[in-house]
Amino acid sequence: MEVVMAYPGLYAVTIHRLAHILYKLKVPIVPRVMSELAHSKTGIDIHPGATIGERFFIDHGTGVVIGETTVIGRNVRLYQGVTLGGLSFDKDANGALVKGLKRHPNIEDNVVIYANATILGGNTTIGHDSEIGGNVWIKESVPPYSRVYNKPPAPVIKTIV
């Protein structure tokens, strides 16, 4: 019972799964309202259009954003502050926004994405069995079985005496 009551990631994903069904049925407004209510309660923003596979888990989910055309595989785990976002809308010859195109990344099976990673773009795929470190910024695809990390800064140790 503790997991159900005290884990906002579980709440957000459960609401998303219901909202996604309604979204696919083209029910107007309700799926978006559901996702916004879950966002207000949890700090986790999952667009009802996002496709999310089995055994998806968000740990410490505050600040997670998952865009409308994101596709997430099975056994994926995200940590706080992760953004799976779009770069921008394409424009037609008259400069009007073209909606309905893929703008958000694909995350394949068995991927872990650590805190504050940002993965952008509809042509960006994170290959299966990969690990994305914290605070990385990705706008191009990553092959399967990859680890992507920022090089940590050298520690500065000073004695205070």
Protein backbone atom coordinates (compact mmCIF):
# COMPACT_ATOMS: atom_id res chain seq x y z
CA MET A 1 0.00 0.00 0.00
CA GLU A 2 2.91 2.37 0.69
CA VAL A 3 4.00 2.17 -2.96
CA VAL A 4 0.53 3.08 -4.20
CA MET A 5 0.10 5.97 -1.78
CA ALA A 6 3.62 7.39 -1.59
CA TYR A 7 5.23 7.04 -5.04
CA PRO A 8 4.24 9.87 -7.37
CA GLY A 9 5.80 8.11 -10.36
CA LEU A 10 3.35 5.24 -10.02
CA TYR A 11 0.42 7.66 -9.76
CA ALA A 12 1.55 9.65 -12.82
CA VAL A 13 2.10 6.53 -14.95
CA THR A 14 -1.25 5.03 -13.92
CA ILE A 15 -3.10 8.23 -14.85
CA HIS A 16 -1.12 8.38 -18.09
CA ARG A 17 -2.13 4.85 -19.06
CA LEU A 18 -5.82 5.75 -18.63
CA ALA A 19 -5.43 9.11 -20.38
CA HIS A 20 -3.52 7.46 -23.25
CA ILE A 21 -6.42 5.05 -23.90
CA LEU A 22 -8.82 8.00 -24.11
CA TYR A 23 -6.35 9.93 -26.29
CA LYS A 24 -6.16 7.01 -28.75
CA LEU A 25 -9.98 6.93 -28.81
CA LYS A 26 -9.85 10.65 -29.75
CA VAL A 27 -11.83 11.71 -26.68
CA PRO A 28 -11.49 15.52 -26.64
CA ILE A 29 -9.96 17.48 -23.75
CA VAL A 30 -10.37 14.82 -21.02
CA PRO A 31 -6.99 13.07 -21.55
CA ARG A 32 -5.13 16.39 -21.44
CA VAL A 33 -6.99 17.47 -18.29
CA MET A 34 -6.13 14.12 -16.66
CA SER A 35 -2.44 14.56 -17.49
CA GLU A 36 -2.45 18.12 -16.15
CA LEU A 37 -4.09 17.02 -12.89
CA ALA A 38 -1.42 14.32 -12.49
CA HIS A 39 1.23 16.92 -13.33
CA SER A 40 -0.12 19.28 -10.66
CA LYS A 41 -0.16 16.51 -8.06
CA THR A 42 3.22 14.90 -8.88
CA GLY A 43 5.40 17.37 -10.78
CA ILE A 44 5.59 14.76 -13.58
CA ASP A 45 4.37 15.97 -17.00
CA ILE A 46 3.46 13.11 -19.37
CA HIS A 47 1.54 14.06 -22.50
CA PRO A 48 -1.36 11.62 -23.06
CA GLY A 49 -0.12 11.00 -26.60
CA ALA A 50 3.17 9.47 -25.42
CA THR A 51 3.43 5.71 -25.97
CA ILE A 52 4.92 3.92 -22.96
CA GLY A 53 5.77 0.22 -22.70
CA GLU A 54 5.42 -2.26 -19.86
CA ARG A 55 7.37 -2.02 -16.61
CA PHE A 56 8.09 1.70 -16.96
CA PHE A 57 9.25 3.30 -13.72
CA ILE A 58 9.86 6.91 -12.71
CA ASP A 59 11.87 7.28 -9.51
CA HIS A 60 11.93 10.65 -7.69
CA GLY A 61 9.94 12.02 -10.60
CA THR A 62 9.73 15.76 -9.93
CA GLY A 63 10.47 17.68 -13.11
CA VAL A 64 10.12 14.77 -15.56
CA VAL A 65 8.69 15.85 -18.94
CA ILE A 66 7.62 13.34 -21.62
CA GLY A 67 6.41 14.83 -24.90
CA GLU A 68 3.46 13.87 -27.07
CA THR A 69 5.23 11.78 -29.73
CA THR A 70 7.70 10.08 -27.39
CA VAL A 71 7.82 6.29 -27.69
CA ILE A 72 9.23 4.40 -24.68
CA GLY A 73 9.93 0.67 -24.75
CA ARG A 74 9.74 -1.94 -22.00
CA ASN A 75 11.73 -1.97 -18.75
CA VAL A 76 12.69 1.71 -18.89
CA ARG A 77 13.56 3.67 -15.76
CA LEU A 78 13.77 7.48 -15.45
CA TYR A 79 14.96 9.67 -12.60
CA GLN A 80 14.05 13.22 -11.61
CA GLY A 81 14.29 16.09 -14.03
CA VAL A 82 14.52 13.98 -17.22
CA THR A 83 13.16 15.68 -20.35
CA LEU A 84 12.13 13.68 -23.42
CA GLY A 85 11.28 16.67 -25.54
CA GLY A 86 10.94 18.19 -28.98
CA LEU A 87 13.20 20.67 -30.67
CA SER A 88 10.56 22.76 -32.47
CA PHE A 89 7.62 22.48 -34.83
CA ASP A 90 8.36 22.32 -38.55
CA LYS A 91 6.89 25.16 -40.62
CA ASP A 92 5.18 25.08 -43.99
CA ALA A 93 6.01 27.37 -46.94
CA ASN A 94 3.89 30.14 -45.39
CA GLY A 95 5.61 29.91 -42.02
CA ALA A 96 2.66 28.23 -40.29
CA LEU A 97 3.41 25.48 -37.77
CA VAL A 98 3.00 21.92 -39.05
CA LYS A 99 1.59 19.71 -36.32
CA GLY A 100 1.27 15.95 -36.21
CA LEU A 101 4.89 15.14 -37.06
CA LYS A 102 7.21 13.10 -34.82
CA ARG A 103 9.06 15.59 -32.60
CA HIS A 104 10.08 13.60 -29.53
CA PRO A 105 12.62 10.80 -29.00
CA ASN A 106 12.31 7.02 -29.01
CA ILE A 107 13.64 5.14 -26.00
CA GLU A 108 14.11 1.44 -26.68
CA ASP A 109 13.85 -1.44 -24.17
CA ASN A 110 15.96 -1.78 -21.00
CA VAL A 111 17.20 1.81 -20.80
CA VAL A 112 18.03 3.78 -17.65
CA ILE A 113 18.09 7.59 -17.84
CA TYR A 114 19.54 9.35 -14.80
CA ALA A 115 18.67 12.72 -13.26
CA ASN A 116 18.34 15.85 -15.36
CA ALA A 117 19.22 14.21 -18.68
CA THR A 118 17.68 15.98 -21.69
CA ILE A 119 16.96 13.98 -24.85
CA LEU A 120 15.46 15.94 -27.74
CA GLY A 121 14.16 15.40 -31.25
CA GLY A 122 11.93 13.09 -33.24
CA ASN A 123 14.83 11.44 -35.05
CA THR A 124 16.66 10.67 -31.80
CA THR A 125 16.65 7.06 -30.61
CA ILE A 126 18.29 5.72 -27.47
CA GLY A 127 19.21 2.14 -28.31
CA HIS A 128 18.17 -0.78 -26.14
CA ASP A 129 20.16 -1.78 -23.06
CA SER A 130 21.73 1.67 -22.76
CA GLU A 131 22.46 3.91 -19.80
CA ILE A 132 22.22 7.70 -20.01
CA GLY A 133 24.02 9.55 -17.24
CA GLY A 134 22.82 12.56 -15.34
CA ASN A 135 22.94 16.07 -16.79
CA VAL A 136 23.64 14.98 -20.37
CA TRP A 137 22.15 16.76 -23.39
CA ILE A 138 21.41 14.47 -26.37
CA LYS A 139 20.11 15.50 -29.81
CA GLU A 140 21.33 12.51 -31.85
CA SER A 141 20.78 8.78 -31.66
CA VAL A 142 22.72 6.50 -29.33
CA PRO A 143 23.38 2.88 -30.41
CA PRO A 144 22.27 -0.11 -28.33
CA TYR A 145 24.44 -1.17 -25.36
CA SER A 146 25.82 2.36 -24.90
CA ARG A 147 26.71 4.40 -21.85
CA VAL A 148 26.58 8.18 -22.23
CA TYR A 149 28.02 10.33 -19.45
CA ASN A 150 29.51 13.76 -18.99
CA LYS A 151 33.10 13.76 -17.87
CA PRO A 152 32.94 14.72 -14.19
CA PRO A 153 34.88 17.81 -13.15
CA ALA A 154 37.99 17.30 -11.06
CA PRO A 155 37.20 17.66 -7.36
CA VAL A 156 38.55 20.70 -5.55
CA ILE A 157 39.63 19.86 -2.03
CA LYS A 158 40.74 22.67 0.27
CA THR A 159 41.68 22.51 3.89
CA ILE A 160 40.06 25.11 6.10
CA VAL A 161 42.65 25.93 8.73
